[in-house]
Amino acid sequence: MGSVAVWVGGCRGGISTFPFGCWFLLSCFVAASVGGGASRSGSRVVRGRRLERGDREGGGVCAESVRRWRRVWEQGGASALRRRAATGRPPKLDDTQVEMVRAALEQGAQAHGFEADLWTLERVGTVVTRATGVVLSRASVWRLLTGRLGWSLQRPERRAVERDGSEIARWIAHEWPRIKKGL
């Protein structure tokens, strides 16, 4: 059989947070199932029993966690102990809806009836609702934009509407040298 290097959770709160790799634990179970003698694997069986009793030498692991891991290992093998992706609430928008939103946003804000061609979280939320029928909070809109769409915050440069580039160039060429000489 041998040992398998697997990282599993341990015993802090409801979800396990095992502080070290599970290969030691698995080799204990393998040795116990084979019958392990006084050899090296036999000492692992002894350590495995200590873990099951929750002794201090067990690495600070709850006895109940070890018993749970052993049940899982006996029922499903080493693959049952492997780390799985964190579960959670499924996203409100599926991949096709996200692509619909992407296409709608790429049309620009003015195409959706907004005065300026700038996106705010509220405007994006409105477009998401129009395109998919799903209402998202501002925080969810932000996660959609930055996480699933890969967009980042862009702030426009603040410039006066009356700004005249040719007048600025004339001032720099003629007025600034005159002022600089006077200093």
Protein backbone atom coordinates (compact mmCIF):
# COMPACT_ATOMS: atom_id res chain seq x y z
CA MET A 1 0.00 0.00 0.00
CA GLY A 2 2.39 2.78 1.12
CA SER A 3 1.67 6.33 2.15
CA VAL A 4 -0.11 9.02 0.19
CA ALA A 5 0.75 12.71 0.51
CA VAL A 6 -2.58 14.46 0.93
CA TRP A 7 -3.44 17.73 2.66
CA VAL A 8 -6.71 17.71 4.58
CA GLY A 9 -8.48 20.03 6.98
CA GLY A 10 -8.09 19.81 10.74
CA CYS A 11 -10.21 20.60 13.77
CA ARG A 12 -10.96 24.29 14.39
CA GLY A 13 -14.67 25.01 14.60
CA GLY A 14 -17.04 23.19 12.29
CA ILE A 15 -14.56 22.94 9.41
CA SER A 16 -11.33 21.08 9.93
CA THR A 17 -7.98 22.87 9.71
CA PHE A 18 -5.38 20.12 10.03
CA PRO A 19 -2.04 21.94 10.47
CA PHE A 20 0.17 19.47 8.59
CA GLY A 21 0.07 17.07 5.64
CA CYS A 22 -2.10 14.01 6.00
CA TRP A 23 0.52 11.56 4.70
CA PHE A 24 1.38 10.56 8.28
CA LEU A 25 -2.23 9.93 9.09
CA LEU A 26 -2.78 7.88 5.95
CA SER A 27 0.29 5.76 6.58
CA CYS A 28 -1.08 5.05 10.07
CA PHE A 29 -4.32 3.77 8.58
CA VAL A 30 -2.50 1.76 5.93
CA ALA A 31 -0.28 0.12 8.54
CA ALA A 32 -3.28 -0.59 10.74
CA SER A 33 -5.20 -2.18 7.89
CA VAL A 34 -2.21 -4.30 6.85
CA GLY A 35 -1.62 -5.36 10.44
CA GLY A 36 1.79 -3.60 10.82
CA GLY A 37 4.28 -5.37 13.03
CA ALA A 38 7.20 -4.10 15.05
CA SER A 39 8.71 -2.54 11.96
CA ARG A 40 8.72 1.10 11.03
CA SER A 41 5.07 0.89 10.00
CA GLY A 42 4.29 -0.64 13.39
CA SER A 43 5.46 2.52 15.12
CA ARG A 44 3.15 4.49 12.87
CA VAL A 45 0.27 2.37 14.09
CA VAL A 46 1.18 3.30 17.65
CA ARG A 47 1.29 6.98 16.69
CA GLY A 48 -2.01 6.53 14.87
CA ARG A 49 -3.57 5.12 18.03
CA ARG A 50 -2.25 8.07 19.99
CA LEU A 51 -3.85 10.36 17.45
CA GLU A 52 -7.13 8.52 17.84
CA ARG A 53 -7.01 8.95 21.62
CA GLY A 54 -6.18 12.65 21.15
CA ASP A 55 -2.93 12.52 23.16
CA ARG A 56 -0.63 15.53 23.32
CA GLU A 57 1.81 13.88 20.90
CA GLY A 58 -0.94 13.78 18.30
CA GLY A 59 -0.07 17.24 17.01
CA GLY A 60 -3.00 19.11 18.59
CA VAL A 61 -5.66 17.27 16.60
CA CYS A 62 -9.08 16.47 18.01
CA ALA A 63 -9.78 12.80 18.42
CA GLU A 64 -13.15 13.23 16.71
CA SER A 65 -11.46 14.69 13.63
CA VAL A 66 -9.15 11.69 13.41
CA ARG A 67 -12.07 9.29 13.74
CA ARG A 68 -13.98 11.21 11.04
CA TRP A 69 -10.94 11.16 8.71
CA ARG A 70 -10.50 7.45 9.29
CA ARG A 71 -14.16 6.75 8.43
CA VAL A 72 -13.84 8.83 5.27
CA TRP A 73 -10.60 7.08 4.33
CA GLU A 74 -12.08 3.61 4.93
CA GLN A 75 -15.15 4.41 2.82
CA GLY A 76 -13.51 6.30 -0.05
CA GLY A 77 -9.75 5.83 0.14
CA ALA A 78 -7.12 8.54 -0.15
CA SER A 79 -9.04 10.46 -2.82
CA ALA A 80 -11.89 11.04 -0.34
CA LEU A 81 -9.46 12.94 1.93
CA ARG A 82 -8.21 15.28 -0.78
CA ARG A 83 -9.04 18.96 -0.50
CA ARG A 84 -12.14 20.00 -2.38
CA ALA A 85 -13.10 23.42 -3.63
CA ALA A 86 -14.86 25.55 -1.06
CA THR A 87 -18.58 25.33 -1.27
CA GLY A 88 -20.76 28.36 -1.03
CA ARG A 89 -23.70 30.08 -2.52
CA PRO A 90 -23.85 29.60 -6.29
CA PRO A 91 -23.40 32.80 -8.32
CA LYS A 92 -26.58 34.63 -9.32
CA LEU A 93 -25.40 34.92 -12.93
CA ASP A 94 -24.36 31.92 -14.98
CA ASP A 95 -21.66 32.14 -17.66
CA THR A 96 -24.07 32.93 -20.51
CA GLN A 97 -25.63 35.76 -18.51
CA VAL A 98 -22.18 37.15 -17.71
CA GLU A 99 -21.36 37.19 -21.43
CA MET A 100 -24.66 38.98 -22.12
CA VAL A 101 -23.69 41.60 -19.55
CA ARG A 102 -20.20 41.91 -21.06
CA ALA A 103 -21.68 42.53 -24.51
CA ALA A 104 -24.11 45.09 -23.13
CA LEU A 105 -21.38 46.96 -21.24
CA GLU A 106 -19.07 47.02 -24.26
CA GLN A 107 -21.75 48.99 -26.15
CA GLY A 108 -21.10 51.90 -23.81
CA ALA A 109 -23.18 53.77 -21.28
CA GLN A 110 -24.72 56.18 -23.80
CA ALA A 111 -26.13 53.25 -25.80
CA HIS A 112 -28.16 52.39 -22.69
CA GLY A 113 -29.59 55.87 -22.29
CA PHE A 114 -27.11 57.41 -19.86
CA GLU A 115 -25.98 60.98 -20.44
CA ALA A 116 -22.21 60.48 -20.09
CA ASP A 117 -20.27 57.50 -21.37
CA LEU A 118 -18.99 56.60 -17.89
CA TRP A 119 -19.88 53.49 -15.92
CA THR A 120 -20.77 53.63 -12.24
CA LEU A 121 -21.77 50.68 -10.09
CA GLU A 122 -25.37 51.86 -10.11
CA ARG A 123 -25.42 52.13 -13.89
CA VAL A 124 -23.86 48.70 -14.34
CA GLY A 125 -26.40 47.28 -11.90
CA THR A 126 -29.20 48.81 -13.96
CA VAL A 127 -27.82 47.28 -17.16
CA VAL A 128 -27.43 43.88 -15.46
CA THR A 129 -31.06 44.03 -14.36
CA ARG A 130 -32.24 45.04 -17.85
CA ALA A 131 -30.15 42.37 -19.60
CA THR A 132 -30.72 39.42 -17.26
CA GLY A 133 -33.57 40.30 -14.90
CA VAL A 134 -31.28 39.71 -11.90
CA VAL A 135 -30.92 42.47 -9.32
CA LEU A 136 -27.40 42.76 -7.85
CA SER A 137 -26.19 44.81 -4.90
CA ARG A 138 -23.38 47.32 -5.39
CA ALA A 139 -20.93 44.87 -3.81
CA SER A 140 -22.06 42.09 -6.15
CA VAL A 141 -21.73 44.40 -9.15
CA TRP A 142 -18.16 45.20 -8.06
CA ARG A 143 -17.33 41.48 -7.74
CA LEU A 144 -18.86 40.85 -11.17
CA LEU A 145 -16.80 43.61 -12.79
CA THR A 146 -13.48 42.85 -11.12
CA GLY A 147 -13.75 39.10 -10.65
CA ARG A 148 -15.71 37.55 -13.48
CA LEU A 149 -15.26 40.21 -16.16
CA GLY A 150 -11.70 41.16 -15.24
CA TRP A 151 -12.34 44.91 -15.41
CA SER A 152 -10.55 47.40 -13.16
CA LEU A 153 -11.36 50.80 -11.74
CA GLN A 154 -10.65 53.64 -14.19
CA ARG A 155 -11.07 57.23 -13.12
CA PRO A 156 -11.32 59.92 -15.81
CA GLU A 157 -8.87 62.83 -15.70
CA ARG A 158 -10.47 65.98 -14.36
CA ARG A 159 -10.19 68.76 -16.91
CA ALA A 160 -12.16 71.93 -17.34
CA VAL A 161 -14.70 71.91 -20.14
CA GLU A 162 -13.42 75.34 -21.24
CA ARG A 163 -9.87 74.01 -21.65
CA ASP A 164 -8.25 75.27 -24.87
CA GLY A 165 -5.10 73.37 -25.88
CA SER A 166 -3.93 75.99 -28.40
CA GLU A 167 -4.22 78.80 -25.83
CA ILE A 168 -2.22 76.73 -23.33
CA ALA A 169 0.53 76.13 -25.91
CA ARG A 170 0.64 79.89 -26.75
CA TRP A 171 0.88 80.81 -23.06
CA ILE A 172 3.74 78.34 -22.47
CA ALA A 173 5.61 79.60 -25.55
CA HIS A 174 5.17 83.37 -25.02
CA GLU A 175 3.99 84.28 -21.55
CA TRP A 176 5.91 81.77 -19.42
CA PRO A 177 9.38 82.79 -20.70
CA ARG A 178 8.51 86.47 -20.03
CA ILE A 179 7.39 85.65 -16.47
CA LYS A 180 10.44 83.43 -15.90
CA LYS A 181 12.84 86.27 -16.93
CA GLY A 182 11.23 88.56 -14.39
CA LEU A 183 11.98 86.18 -11.52
